[in-house]
N, C-alpha and C. Protein backbone atom coordinates (compact mmCIF):
# COMPACT_ATOMS: atom_id res chain seq x y z
N MET A 1 162.60 -30.16 286.69
CA MET A 1 162.86 -28.69 286.65
C MET A 1 164.00 -27.78 287.99
N GLU A 2 163.67 -28.25 288.80
CA GLU A 2 164.71 -27.81 289.65
C GLU A 2 166.72 -28.05 289.04
N MET A 3 166.61 -29.65 288.45
CA MET A 3 167.58 -29.56 288.10
C MET A 3 167.82 -29.03 286.76
N MET A 4 167.09 -28.80 286.15
CA MET A 4 167.63 -28.26 284.90
C MET A 4 167.77 -26.78 284.96
N SER A 5 167.30 -25.76 286.23
CA SER A 5 167.48 -24.82 286.37
C SER A 5 169.05 -24.83 286.85
N THR A 6 169.08 -25.63 288.21
CA THR A 6 170.86 -25.91 288.23
C THR A 6 171.60 -25.92 287.23
N ILE A 7 171.73 -26.98 286.38
CA ILE A 7 172.23 -27.11 284.63
C ILE A 7 172.35 -25.92 284.06
N MET A 8 171.53 -25.20 284.11
CA MET A 8 171.30 -23.50 283.58
C MET A 8 172.47 -22.86 284.05
N ARG A 9 172.06 -22.79 285.44
CA ARG A 9 173.11 -21.83 286.36
C ARG A 9 174.35 -21.89 286.00
N LYS A 10 174.86 -23.42 286.20
CA LYS A 10 176.69 -23.82 286.08
C LYS A 10 176.22 -23.46 284.32
N TRP A 11 175.64 -23.70 283.83
CA TRP A 11 176.15 -23.39 282.60
C TRP A 11 176.73 -21.70 282.40
N HIS A 12 175.37 -20.93 282.81
CA HIS A 12 175.87 -19.68 282.49
C HIS A 12 177.15 -19.40 283.34
N ASN A 13 177.15 -19.56 284.76
CA ASN A 13 178.64 -18.93 285.46
C ASN A 13 179.75 -19.72 284.53
N LEU A 14 179.74 -20.94 283.82
CA LEU A 14 180.80 -21.26 283.22
C LEU A 14 180.85 -20.37 282.15
N THR A 15 179.86 -19.95 281.30
CA THR A 15 180.51 -19.12 279.78
C THR A 15 180.33 -17.59 280.05
N HIS A 16 180.35 -17.50 281.59
CA HIS A 16 180.17 -15.67 281.87
C HIS A 16 180.97 -15.88 283.40
N PRO A 17 182.27 -15.93 283.37
CA PRO A 17 183.01 -16.24 284.53
C PRO A 17 183.65 -14.70 285.32
N VAL A 18 183.26 -14.67 286.29
CA VAL A 18 183.29 -13.90 287.49
C VAL A 18 184.89 -12.91 287.05
N LEU A 19 184.26 -11.35 287.07
CA LEU A 19 185.46 -10.94 286.98
C LEU A 19 185.67 -10.20 288.25
N GLY A 20 184.99 -10.14 289.02
CA GLY A 20 185.57 -9.37 290.52
C GLY A 20 184.41 -9.20 290.84
N TYR A 21 184.35 -8.14 292.37
CA TYR A 21 182.97 -7.63 293.17
C TYR A 21 183.14 -6.12 293.47
N VAL A 22 182.02 -6.10 293.11
CA VAL A 22 181.69 -4.74 293.80
C VAL A 22 181.12 -4.63 295.34
N MET A 23 181.97 -4.22 296.50
CA MET A 23 181.29 -4.25 297.44
C MET A 23 180.69 -3.53 298.18
N MET A 24 179.48 -3.79 298.82
CA MET A 24 178.72 -2.46 299.91
C MET A 24 179.18 -2.54 301.08
N LEU A 25 179.53 -1.19 301.63
CA LEU A 25 179.38 -1.29 302.94
C LEU A 25 178.43 -0.10 303.32
N HIS A 26 178.26 -0.42 304.33
CA HIS A 26 177.60 1.15 305.22
C HIS A 26 178.47 1.75 306.34
N ARG A 27 178.20 1.88 307.90
CA ARG A 27 179.12 2.10 308.65
C ARG A 27 180.61 1.13 308.49
N VAL A 28 181.62 2.97 309.49
CA VAL A 28 182.42 1.14 310.04
C VAL A 28 182.60 2.09 311.27
N SER A 29 182.79 1.15 311.93
CA SER A 29 183.09 1.75 313.61
C SER A 29 184.53 0.90 314.20
N GLU A 30 184.64 1.61 315.78
CA GLU A 30 185.83 1.53 316.09
C GLU A 30 186.15 0.42 317.12
N ASP A 31 184.75 -0.15 317.46
CA ASP A 31 184.56 -1.63 318.11
C ASP A 31 183.22 -2.41 317.21
N HIS A 32 183.44 -3.34 317.81
CA HIS A 32 182.36 -4.81 317.18
C HIS A 32 181.09 -4.58 316.93
N ASP A 33 180.43 -4.56 316.34
CA ASP A 33 178.44 -3.85 316.34
C ASP A 33 177.96 -5.14 315.90
N ASP A 34 177.32 -5.95 316.04
CA ASP A 34 176.46 -6.91 315.63
C ASP A 34 175.63 -6.72 314.33
N ASN A 35 175.17 -5.32 314.26
CA ASN A 35 174.64 -5.10 312.76
C ASN A 35 175.46 -5.70 311.60
N ARG A 36 174.79 -6.02 310.74
CA ARG A 36 175.77 -6.80 309.89
C ARG A 36 175.94 -5.80 308.57
N LEU A 37 175.65 -4.24 308.79
CA LEU A 37 176.09 -3.33 308.28
C LEU A 37 177.34 -2.31 308.32
N VAL A 38 177.47 -3.38 309.93
CA VAL A 38 178.75 -2.27 310.15
C VAL A 38 179.75 -2.94 310.65
N VAL A 39 181.16 -2.76 310.01
CA VAL A 39 182.30 -3.49 310.36
C VAL A 39 183.20 -2.44 311.01
N THR A 40 184.47 -3.09 311.66
CA THR A 40 185.20 -2.46 312.34
C THR A 40 186.06 -1.72 311.55
N ALA A 41 186.73 -1.23 311.91
CA ALA A 41 188.18 -0.39 310.99
C ALA A 41 189.15 -1.43 310.86
N ASN A 42 189.62 -2.12 311.94
CA ASN A 42 190.83 -3.08 311.74
C ASN A 42 190.42 -4.10 310.90
N TYR A 43 188.52 -4.86 311.16
CA TYR A 43 188.41 -5.75 309.87
C TYR A 43 188.70 -4.97 308.31
N LEU A 44 188.39 -4.26 308.55
CA LEU A 44 188.13 -3.16 307.07
C LEU A 44 189.56 -3.34 306.68
N GLU A 45 190.76 -3.02 307.33
CA GLU A 45 192.42 -2.90 307.32
C GLU A 45 192.55 -4.31 306.89
N LYS A 46 192.41 -5.24 307.72
CA LYS A 46 192.43 -6.92 307.40
C LYS A 46 192.17 -6.96 306.27
N ALA A 47 191.12 -7.05 305.64
CA ALA A 47 189.79 -7.35 304.53
C ALA A 47 190.96 -7.09 303.20
N VAL A 48 191.18 -5.69 302.99
CA VAL A 48 192.32 -5.17 302.09
C VAL A 48 193.08 -5.61 302.08
N ASP A 49 194.05 -5.70 302.98
CA ASP A 49 195.46 -6.65 303.13
C ASP A 49 195.30 -7.94 302.35
N GLN A 50 194.21 -8.69 302.89
CA GLN A 50 194.12 -9.78 302.51
C GLN A 50 193.67 -9.93 300.97
N PHE A 51 192.99 -8.94 300.19
CA PHE A 51 192.22 -9.19 299.13
C PHE A 51 193.81 -8.57 298.34
N LEU A 52 194.76 -7.74 298.78
CA LEU A 52 195.88 -7.75 297.73
C LEU A 52 196.81 -8.43 297.82
N GLN A 53 196.74 -9.30 298.96
CA GLN A 53 197.72 -10.69 298.97
C GLN A 53 197.23 -11.85 297.78
N LYS A 54 195.89 -11.74 297.76
CA LYS A 54 195.03 -12.68 296.60
C LYS A 54 195.71 -12.26 295.54
N GLY A 55 196.21 -11.00 295.48
CA GLY A 55 196.40 -10.84 293.83
C GLY A 55 195.21 -9.82 293.26
N TYR A 56 194.16 -9.31 293.84
CA TYR A 56 193.35 -8.72 293.29
C TYR A 56 193.98 -7.31 293.51
N ASP A 57 193.32 -6.68 291.94
CA ASP A 57 193.45 -4.73 291.85
C ASP A 57 192.22 -4.20 292.55
N PHE A 58 192.62 -3.88 292.97
CA PHE A 58 191.33 -2.08 293.76
C PHE A 58 191.51 -1.06 292.46
N ILE A 59 190.21 -1.38 292.09
CA ILE A 59 189.64 -0.34 291.23
C ILE A 59 188.44 0.70 291.35
N SER A 60 188.63 1.78 291.19
CA SER A 60 187.45 2.79 290.98
C SER A 60 186.21 2.28 290.48
N ILE A 61 185.09 2.81 290.60
CA ILE A 61 184.07 2.64 289.80
C ILE A 61 183.78 2.93 288.36
N LYS A 62 184.64 4.10 288.44
CA LYS A 62 184.77 4.72 287.29
C LYS A 62 185.48 3.62 286.12
N GLU A 63 186.05 2.55 286.38
CA GLU A 63 186.91 1.44 285.82
C GLU A 63 186.36 0.05 285.88
N VAL A 64 185.52 0.00 286.43
CA VAL A 64 184.32 -1.43 286.07
C VAL A 64 184.04 -1.36 284.69
N SER A 65 183.52 -0.28 284.20
CA SER A 65 183.07 -0.57 282.84
C SER A 65 183.73 -1.49 281.83
N GLY A 66 184.87 -0.65 282.01
CA GLY A 66 186.05 -0.91 281.37
C GLY A 66 186.55 -2.41 281.47
N HIS A 67 186.61 -2.71 282.66
CA HIS A 67 186.78 -4.23 282.88
C HIS A 67 185.69 -5.32 282.70
N VAL A 68 184.76 -4.65 282.20
CA VAL A 68 183.33 -5.65 282.14
C VAL A 68 183.49 -5.71 280.26
N ALA A 69 184.05 -4.65 279.67
CA ALA A 69 184.18 -4.41 278.31
C ALA A 69 185.23 -5.23 277.55
N ASN A 70 186.09 -5.19 278.37
CA ASN A 70 187.51 -6.22 278.33
C ASN A 70 187.74 -7.56 278.66
N ARG A 71 186.43 -7.78 279.35
CA ARG A 71 186.41 -9.22 280.10
C ARG A 71 187.82 -8.96 280.59
N ASP A 72 188.68 -8.46 281.14
CA ASP A 72 189.86 -8.40 282.27
C ASP A 72 190.22 -9.56 283.14
N LYS A 73 191.07 -10.37 282.63
CA LYS A 73 191.03 -11.66 283.39
C LYS A 73 191.69 -11.62 285.11
N LYS A 74 192.05 -10.20 285.39
CA LYS A 74 192.84 -10.06 286.59
C LYS A 74 191.56 -9.73 287.36
N ARG A 75 191.35 -10.58 288.20
CA ARG A 75 190.14 -10.18 289.10
C ARG A 75 190.14 -8.83 290.26
N PHE A 76 189.04 -7.92 290.14
CA PHE A 76 188.75 -6.75 290.82
C PHE A 76 188.10 -6.76 292.04
N VAL A 77 188.32 -5.45 293.36
CA VAL A 77 187.47 -5.42 294.03
C VAL A 77 187.29 -3.93 293.76
N CYS A 78 185.97 -3.44 293.98
CA CYS A 78 185.53 -2.14 293.98
C CYS A 78 184.67 -2.02 295.49
N LEU A 79 185.28 -0.56 296.28
CA LEU A 79 184.31 -0.59 297.24
C LEU A 79 183.98 0.67 296.96
N THR A 80 182.01 0.67 297.22
CA THR A 80 181.50 1.64 297.92
C THR A 80 180.94 1.84 298.89
N PHE A 81 180.27 2.99 299.71
CA PHE A 81 179.83 3.02 300.71
C PHE A 81 178.59 4.08 300.69
N ASP A 82 177.52 3.33 301.07
CA ASP A 82 176.41 4.22 301.07
C ASP A 82 176.36 5.36 301.97
N ASP A 83 175.32 5.99 301.89
CA ASP A 83 174.36 7.02 302.59
C ASP A 83 175.19 8.07 303.16
N GLY A 84 176.59 7.93 303.38
CA GLY A 84 177.31 8.97 303.49
C GLY A 84 177.48 9.38 305.21
N TYR A 85 177.88 8.73 306.35
CA TYR A 85 177.92 8.30 307.50
C TYR A 85 179.70 8.80 307.43
N LEU A 86 179.64 9.63 308.92
CA LEU A 86 181.31 10.53 309.12
C LEU A 86 182.34 9.62 309.48
N ASP A 87 181.43 8.36 309.86
CA ASP A 87 182.76 7.26 310.20
C ASP A 87 183.55 7.36 308.54
N THR A 88 182.83 7.05 307.34
CA THR A 88 183.45 6.90 306.38
C THR A 88 184.67 7.50 305.47
N LEU A 89 184.74 8.85 306.08
CA LEU A 89 185.83 10.19 306.32
C LEU A 89 186.40 10.01 307.45
N ASP A 90 186.29 9.92 308.54
CA ASP A 90 186.85 9.44 309.83
C ASP A 90 188.04 8.25 310.12
N LEU A 91 187.08 7.23 309.85
CA LEU A 91 187.65 5.91 309.96
C LEU A 91 188.06 4.92 308.67
N ALA A 92 186.89 5.16 307.42
CA ALA A 92 187.27 4.45 306.34
C ALA A 92 188.78 5.03 306.00
N TYR A 93 188.64 6.13 305.49
CA TYR A 93 189.14 6.88 304.73
C TYR A 93 190.71 7.20 305.00
N PRO A 94 191.21 7.19 306.37
CA PRO A 94 192.47 6.98 306.37
C PRO A 94 193.23 5.52 306.21
N ILE A 95 192.23 4.43 306.40
CA ILE A 95 193.01 3.39 305.60
C ILE A 95 193.11 3.54 304.36
N LEU A 96 192.26 3.99 303.78
CA LEU A 96 192.10 3.51 302.77
C LEU A 96 193.49 4.70 301.23
N LYS A 97 193.38 5.74 302.29
CA LYS A 97 194.27 6.49 301.97
C LYS A 97 195.80 5.82 301.72
N GLU A 98 196.12 5.44 302.96
CA GLU A 98 197.57 5.13 303.28
C GLU A 98 197.86 4.11 302.55
N LYS A 99 196.90 3.13 302.04
CA LYS A 99 197.18 1.91 300.84
C LYS A 99 196.40 2.35 299.58
N GLN A 100 196.06 3.49 299.34
CA GLN A 100 196.24 3.94 297.95
C GLN A 100 194.97 2.98 296.97
N VAL A 101 193.71 2.66 297.95
CA VAL A 101 192.73 2.36 297.72
C VAL A 101 191.79 3.07 297.29
N PRO A 102 190.81 3.20 296.04
CA PRO A 102 190.11 4.07 295.37
C PRO A 102 188.41 3.45 296.20
N PHE A 103 187.43 4.20 296.29
CA PHE A 103 186.31 3.87 296.76
C PHE A 103 185.48 5.25 296.20
N CYS A 104 184.13 4.56 296.43
CA CYS A 104 182.77 5.29 296.11
C CYS A 104 182.16 5.94 296.71
N LEU A 105 181.89 7.03 297.09
CA LEU A 105 180.93 7.16 298.38
C LEU A 105 179.13 7.95 297.93
N TYR A 106 178.30 6.97 298.19
CA TYR A 106 176.65 7.47 297.58
C TYR A 106 176.33 8.03 298.79
N ALA A 107 176.14 9.42 298.16
CA ALA A 107 175.67 10.60 298.89
C ALA A 107 173.98 11.00 298.76
N THR A 108 173.07 10.70 299.93
CA THR A 108 171.99 11.20 299.71
C THR A 108 171.61 12.80 300.33
N THR A 109 170.75 13.34 299.58
CA THR A 109 171.18 14.62 299.90
C THR A 109 170.41 15.36 301.34
N ASP A 110 169.30 14.72 301.74
CA ASP A 110 168.88 14.64 302.67
C ASP A 110 169.60 14.68 304.02
N TYR A 111 170.30 13.82 303.59
CA TYR A 111 171.24 13.59 304.88
C TYR A 111 172.31 14.70 305.06
N TYR A 112 173.24 14.48 303.84
CA TYR A 112 174.47 15.78 303.68
C TYR A 112 174.18 17.14 304.00
N ARG A 113 172.87 17.45 303.58
CA ARG A 113 172.32 18.47 303.67
C ARG A 113 171.34 19.28 305.19
N GLY A 114 171.56 17.64 305.69
CA GLY A 114 170.95 18.00 307.18
C GLY A 114 169.55 18.07 307.69
N LYS A 115 168.72 17.63 306.62
CA LYS A 115 167.35 17.45 306.65
C LYS A 115 166.31 16.30 307.21
N LYS A 116 167.34 15.12 307.35
CA LYS A 116 166.88 14.19 308.12
C LYS A 116 168.14 13.50 308.10
N HIS A 117 167.85 12.31 308.90
CA HIS A 117 168.88 11.44 309.52
C HIS A 117 168.41 9.93 309.19
N PRO A 118 168.94 8.84 308.57
CA PRO A 118 168.33 7.41 308.63
C PRO A 118 168.02 6.90 309.84
N SER A 119 166.14 6.56 309.61
CA SER A 119 165.73 6.13 310.47
C SER A 119 166.86 4.74 311.36
N TRP A 120 167.20 4.00 311.10
CA TRP A 120 167.69 2.71 311.40
C TRP A 120 169.18 3.16 311.71
N SER A 121 169.69 4.26 311.82
CA SER A 121 171.21 4.38 312.67
C SER A 121 171.23 5.41 313.40
N GLY A 122 170.18 5.68 314.32
CA GLY A 122 170.44 6.32 315.54
C GLY A 122 170.59 7.76 315.38
N ASP A 123 171.93 8.11 316.40
CA ASP A 123 171.95 9.66 316.20
C ASP A 123 173.60 9.44 315.72
N ILE A 124 173.88 8.44 314.69
CA ILE A 124 175.21 8.63 314.39
C ILE A 124 175.73 9.35 312.66
N PRO A 125 176.24 9.97 313.56
CA PRO A 125 176.74 11.27 312.70
C PRO A 125 176.67 11.19 310.81
N MET A 126 176.55 12.00 310.47
CA MET A 126 176.42 12.13 308.78
C MET A 126 177.39 13.18 308.34
N MET A 127 177.73 12.79 307.30
CA MET A 127 179.18 13.60 306.62
C MET A 127 178.38 15.19 306.04
N THR A 128 178.77 16.50 305.70
CA THR A 128 178.23 17.25 305.43
C THR A 128 178.67 17.72 303.97
N THR A 129 178.03 18.95 303.95
CA THR A 129 178.73 19.70 302.52
C THR A 129 180.49 19.39 302.74
N GLU A 130 180.45 20.31 303.38
CA GLU A 130 181.92 20.32 303.51
C GLU A 130 182.63 19.18 303.84
N HIS A 131 182.00 18.27 304.41
CA HIS A 131 182.92 17.10 304.49
C HIS A 131 182.83 15.87 302.75
N LEU A 132 182.16 16.22 302.06
CA LEU A 132 181.57 15.99 300.73
C LEU A 132 182.67 16.81 300.28
N ARG A 133 183.07 17.72 300.13
CA ARG A 133 183.97 18.52 299.16
C ARG A 133 185.30 18.72 299.65
N GLN A 134 185.61 17.94 301.26
CA GLN A 134 187.21 17.80 301.27
C GLN A 134 187.33 16.16 300.94
N LEU A 135 186.18 15.41 300.50
CA LEU A 135 186.31 14.11 299.94
C LEU A 135 187.17 14.08 298.75
N ALA A 136 186.16 14.80 297.87
CA ALA A 136 185.94 15.29 296.41
C ALA A 136 187.35 15.46 296.20
N THR A 137 188.31 16.45 297.08
CA THR A 137 189.62 16.67 296.48
C THR A 137 190.54 15.60 296.06
N ASP A 138 190.20 14.31 296.88
CA ASP A 138 190.97 13.57 296.57
C ASP A 138 190.76 12.37 295.56
N PRO A 139 191.51 12.16 294.14
CA PRO A 139 191.19 11.41 293.34
C PRO A 139 190.52 9.85 293.85
N LEU A 140 190.86 9.75 294.84
CA LEU A 140 190.96 8.24 295.40
C LEU A 140 189.30 8.22 295.31
N CYS A 141 188.24 9.32 295.76
CA CYS A 141 187.08 9.13 295.71
C CYS A 141 186.37 9.79 294.94
N THR A 142 185.23 8.90 294.35
CA THR A 142 184.88 9.18 293.76
C THR A 142 183.11 9.34 294.52
N ILE A 143 182.62 10.35 294.31
CA ILE A 143 181.41 10.77 295.16
C ILE A 143 179.91 10.32 293.87
N GLY A 144 178.96 9.74 294.28
CA GLY A 144 177.82 9.06 293.52
C GLY A 144 176.49 9.66 294.14
N VAL A 145 175.48 9.78 293.51
CA VAL A 145 173.97 10.05 293.47
C VAL A 145 173.39 8.53 294.44
N HIS A 146 172.77 9.05 295.40
CA HIS A 146 172.25 8.14 296.19
C HIS A 146 170.64 8.24 296.48
N THR A 147 170.38 9.65 295.88
CA THR A 147 168.86 10.32 295.47
C THR A 147 168.89 11.39 296.47
N CYS A 148 167.65 11.88 297.01
CA CYS A 148 167.70 12.75 297.75
C CYS A 148 166.83 12.40 299.25
N SER A 149 166.24 11.28 299.26
CA SER A 149 165.20 11.23 300.30
C SER A 149 165.41 9.72 300.56
N HIS A 150 165.89 9.03 300.10
CA HIS A 150 166.54 7.47 299.87
C HIS A 150 165.22 6.56 300.37
N PRO A 151 164.28 6.52 299.09
CA PRO A 151 162.87 5.89 298.80
C PRO A 151 163.69 4.81 298.37
N HIS A 152 162.18 3.94 298.52
CA HIS A 152 161.87 2.73 297.64
C HIS A 152 161.59 3.00 296.19
N LEU A 153 162.34 3.39 295.87
CA LEU A 153 162.39 3.97 294.14
C LEU A 153 161.01 3.04 292.71
N SER A 154 161.08 2.00 293.36
CA SER A 154 159.93 1.47 292.59
C SER A 154 158.79 1.49 293.06
N GLU A 155 158.45 2.25 294.45
CA GLU A 155 156.82 1.97 294.57
C GLU A 155 156.85 3.52 294.38
N LEU A 156 157.61 4.09 293.64
CA LEU A 156 156.68 6.14 292.80
C LEU A 156 157.18 5.54 291.85
N PRO A 157 156.23 6.67 291.41
CA PRO A 157 155.63 7.22 290.08
C PRO A 157 157.05 8.07 289.07
N VAL A 158 156.65 7.64 288.15
CA VAL A 158 158.23 8.25 287.19
C VAL A 158 158.70 9.29 287.44
N ASP A 159 157.71 10.38 287.42
CA ASP A 159 158.11 11.59 287.82
C ASP A 159 158.87 11.83 289.37
N GLU A 160 158.38 10.86 289.83
CA GLU A 160 159.16 11.34 291.62
C GLU A 160 160.45 10.71 291.55
N GLN A 161 160.37 9.67 290.89
CA GLN A 161 161.79 9.07 290.64
C GLN A 161 162.51 9.45 289.94
N ARG A 162 162.41 10.56 288.88
CA ARG A 162 163.26 11.52 287.94
C ARG A 162 163.95 12.43 288.86
N ARG A 163 162.62 13.01 289.75
CA ARG A 163 162.80 14.20 290.45
C ARG A 163 164.19 13.36 291.94
N GLU A 164 164.05 11.93 292.24
CA GLU A 164 164.75 12.23 293.22
C GLU A 164 166.21 11.74 292.71
N LEU A 165 166.43 11.26 291.01
CA LEU A 165 167.60 10.94 290.59
C LEU A 165 168.34 12.73 290.18
N THR A 166 167.19 13.25 289.38
CA THR A 166 167.61 14.60 289.16
C THR A 166 168.11 15.37 290.28
N ASP A 167 167.11 15.72 290.99
CA ASP A 167 167.70 16.61 292.27
C ASP A 167 168.88 16.43 292.92
N CYS A 168 169.27 15.46 293.26
CA CYS A 168 170.59 14.92 293.35
C CYS A 168 171.61 14.99 293.05
N LYS A 169 171.71 14.50 291.66
CA LYS A 169 172.72 14.58 291.24
C LYS A 169 173.23 16.32 290.53
N ASP A 170 171.78 16.78 290.16
CA ASP A 170 172.27 18.87 290.26
C ASP A 170 172.85 19.37 291.59
N ASP A 171 172.60 18.59 292.65
CA ASP A 171 172.97 18.89 293.54
C ASP A 171 174.46 18.65 294.01
N LEU A 172 174.77 17.53 294.08
CA LEU A 172 175.96 17.29 294.10
C LEU A 172 176.87 18.04 292.86
N GLU A 173 176.25 17.92 291.87
CA GLU A 173 177.51 18.27 290.65
C GLU A 173 177.23 20.01 291.08
N GLN A 174 176.58 20.54 291.43
CA GLN A 174 176.84 22.06 291.87
C GLN A 174 177.47 21.96 292.88
N LEU A 175 177.54 21.17 293.79
CA LEU A 175 178.29 21.53 295.24
C LEU A 175 180.12 20.92 294.52
N LEU A 176 180.12 20.02 294.02
CA LEU A 176 181.56 19.21 293.59
C LEU A 176 182.00 20.39 292.58
N GLY A 177 181.36 20.82 291.78
CA GLY A 177 181.98 21.65 291.16
C GLY A 177 182.59 20.75 289.41
N ARG A 178 181.42 19.30 289.27
CA ARG A 178 182.11 18.70 288.40
C ARG A 178 181.09 17.40 287.90
N GLU A 179 180.48 16.84 287.15
CA GLU A 179 179.95 15.83 286.18
C GLU A 179 179.89 14.36 287.64
N VAL A 180 178.22 13.92 288.03
CA VAL A 180 178.60 12.89 288.86
C VAL A 180 177.68 11.99 288.16
N LYS A 181 178.73 10.81 287.91
CA LYS A 181 177.45 10.02 286.40
C LYS A 181 177.85 8.18 286.85
N HIS A 182 177.51 7.97 288.20
CA HIS A 182 177.30 7.23 289.09
C HIS A 182 176.50 6.59 290.59
N MET A 183 175.73 5.81 290.48
CA MET A 183 174.88 5.81 291.79
C MET A 183 174.24 4.04 291.92
N ALA A 184 173.53 4.58 293.42
CA ALA A 184 173.23 3.66 293.95
C ALA A 184 171.48 3.65 293.88
N TYR A 185 170.95 1.90 293.54
CA TYR A 185 169.77 2.61 293.88
C TYR A 185 169.34 2.19 295.81
N PRO A 186 168.66 3.18 296.17
CA PRO A 186 168.23 2.86 297.83
C PRO A 186 167.59 1.07 298.25
N TYR A 187 168.36 0.44 298.68
CA TYR A 187 167.52 -0.32 299.06
C TYR A 187 167.95 -1.46 298.23
N GLY A 188 168.35 -1.36 297.24
CA GLY A 188 168.55 -1.65 296.28
C GLY A 188 166.83 -2.22 295.20
N ASP A 189 166.29 -1.31 295.31
CA ASP A 189 165.07 -1.11 294.62
C ASP A 189 165.09 -0.28 293.91
N TYR A 190 164.43 -0.82 292.96
CA TYR A 190 164.30 -0.19 291.47
C TYR A 190 163.57 -1.10 290.29
N ASP A 191 162.82 -0.67 289.37
CA ASP A 191 162.24 -1.15 288.12
C ASP A 191 162.37 -0.98 287.11
N LYS A 192 161.86 -1.15 286.13
CA LYS A 192 162.76 -0.65 284.33
C LYS A 192 162.30 0.77 284.17
N ASN A 193 161.61 1.30 284.62
CA ASN A 193 161.31 2.75 284.71
C ASN A 193 162.68 3.70 285.49
N THR A 194 163.11 3.16 286.48
CA THR A 194 164.32 3.68 287.08
C THR A 194 165.46 3.35 286.19
N VAL A 195 165.45 1.95 285.59
CA VAL A 195 167.00 1.80 284.82
C VAL A 195 167.19 2.69 283.34
N GLN A 196 165.52 3.20 283.03
CA GLN A 196 165.31 3.86 281.67
C GLN A 196 166.07 5.22 282.13
N LEU A 197 165.42 6.06 283.49
CA LEU A 197 165.61 7.13 284.04
C LEU A 197 167.39 7.18 283.90
N ALA A 198 167.92 6.62 284.43
CA ALA A 198 169.43 6.41 285.06
C ALA A 198 170.11 6.36 283.65
N ARG A 199 169.72 6.25 282.34
CA ARG A 199 170.30 5.69 281.25
C ARG A 199 169.99 6.85 280.29
N GLN A 200 168.95 7.90 280.51
CA GLN A 200 168.55 8.98 280.37
C GLN A 200 169.35 10.70 280.80
N LEU A 201 169.81 9.74 282.14
CA LEU A 201 170.36 10.94 283.00
C LEU A 201 171.86 10.84 282.36
N GLY A 202 172.50 10.02 281.71
CA GLY A 202 173.45 9.71 281.69
C GLY A 202 174.78 9.10 282.31
N PHE A 203 173.69 8.46 283.76
CA PHE A 203 174.95 7.67 284.47
C PHE A 203 175.46 6.69 283.99
N LEU A 204 176.90 6.08 283.80
CA LEU A 204 177.54 5.14 283.49
C LEU A 204 177.08 3.95 284.02
N THR A 205 176.99 4.13 285.22
CA THR A 205 176.85 2.75 286.28
C THR A 205 175.66 3.01 287.71
N ALA A 206 175.07 2.10 287.64
CA ALA A 206 174.02 2.29 288.79
C ALA A 206 173.92 0.44 289.33
N THR A 207 174.03 0.79 291.07
CA THR A 207 174.33 -0.41 291.34
C THR A 207 173.59 -0.91 292.18
N THR A 208 172.99 -2.16 292.75
CA THR A 208 172.29 -3.11 292.93
C THR A 208 172.54 -3.77 294.25
N THR A 209 172.13 -4.14 294.92
CA THR A 209 172.25 -5.05 296.04
C THR A 209 172.21 -6.88 296.35
N SER A 210 172.25 -7.27 294.63
CA SER A 210 171.98 -8.27 294.19
C SER A 210 172.50 -9.32 295.29
N GLY A 211 173.95 -8.88 295.67
CA GLY A 211 174.55 -10.05 296.30
C GLY A 211 175.50 -11.19 295.65
N ARG A 212 175.50 -10.70 293.80
CA ARG A 212 176.00 -11.28 293.17
C ARG A 212 177.76 -11.09 292.51
N PRO A 213 178.85 -11.86 292.37
CA PRO A 213 179.35 -10.80 291.43
C PRO A 213 179.81 -10.69 290.36
N VAL A 214 180.64 -9.40 289.83
CA VAL A 214 180.44 -9.08 288.44
C VAL A 214 181.00 -10.04 287.44
N ARG A 215 179.84 -10.66 286.52
CA ARG A 215 180.61 -11.26 285.28
C ARG A 215 180.64 -10.94 284.11
N THR A 216 180.97 -11.63 283.12
CA THR A 216 181.04 -10.78 281.66
C THR A 216 179.88 -10.44 281.07
N ASP A 217 178.75 -10.97 281.37
CA ASP A 217 177.36 -9.92 281.27
C ASP A 217 177.02 -9.22 282.02
N THR A 218 177.58 -8.93 283.40
CA THR A 218 176.93 -7.51 283.96
C THR A 218 176.41 -6.54 283.47
N LYS A 219 175.23 -5.87 283.50
CA LYS A 219 174.15 -4.96 283.09
C LYS A 219 174.86 -3.72 284.13
N LEU A 220 176.15 -3.17 283.14
CA LEU A 220 176.55 -1.61 284.10
C LEU A 220 175.39 -0.77 285.02
N LEU A 221 174.22 -0.69 284.64
CA LEU A 221 172.82 0.17 285.01
C LEU A 221 172.62 -0.93 286.17
N GLU A 222 172.26 -2.20 286.07
CA GLU A 222 172.21 -3.22 287.07
C GLU A 222 173.10 -3.66 287.47
N LEU A 223 174.11 -3.27 288.44
CA LEU A 223 175.81 -3.48 288.42
C LEU A 223 175.66 -4.65 289.83
N ASP A 224 176.02 -5.46 289.81
CA ASP A 224 175.65 -6.57 290.80
C ASP A 224 176.98 -6.18 292.54
N ARG A 225 176.23 -6.13 292.81
CA ARG A 225 177.34 -5.30 294.70
C ARG A 225 176.81 -6.51 295.41
N VAL A 226 177.80 -6.64 296.11
CA VAL A 226 177.93 -8.06 297.58
C VAL A 226 178.41 -7.19 298.60
N THR A 227 177.47 -7.57 299.75
CA THR A 227 177.57 -6.91 301.29
C THR A 227 178.45 -7.31 301.48
N PHE A 228 179.81 -6.18 302.03
CA PHE A 228 181.12 -6.68 302.50
C PHE A 228 180.46 -6.27 304.21
N THR A 229 180.81 -7.80 304.68
CA THR A 229 180.08 -8.00 306.28
C THR A 229 181.10 -8.67 306.84
N GLU A 230 181.23 -8.66 308.42
CA GLU A 230 182.38 -8.97 309.59
C GLU A 230 182.18 -10.29 309.87
N SER A 231 182.88 -11.18 309.47
CA SER A 231 182.64 -12.56 309.77
C SER A 231 182.99 -12.89 311.04
């Protein structure tokens, strides 16, 4: 059985080649941190340079669907940042701006509205509504939905899942004055109802935390994403 599974996986990988990587980041710091969800600004800059030297294209989350549909042979990297930490603006953004690298920021309503703080991040500053407006003026940045309260969506009834997605989407659209069509599942946690809701609400992509590259058979509302870690 294990041998058959290995054969099937190899066949799948052969018939559905890798197109690129959607990378998941959280915090960026000036100094090294043992937390695997924290990378230094220096490491981020070096990693971007290495991808460029290897011939990768940096694309926005808006462009991923086209690469999947067209099976574009040139490998891509798409950077995404979860939660809305202030260091995304203060440390990551200047690097990406200088190198003209697009990125997506998935914002959580309760965080940028100051209603609560990520329990796993201590007193690390979060972006506010003004910070989001500032970033949104740059075409390099796409703002996406990361729910209102950052729950495990699969544990919620459908109506509560809908509220988490709809209220965050509506709030961001009013704040930014534009449609918001991309989202990330908190903790990478979702179920079939969540995917159906994402489709009904008109999202073009919804990212997971699968740890897999994007292949030609990738589902855009279950978009594979790899954690960007400092080795």
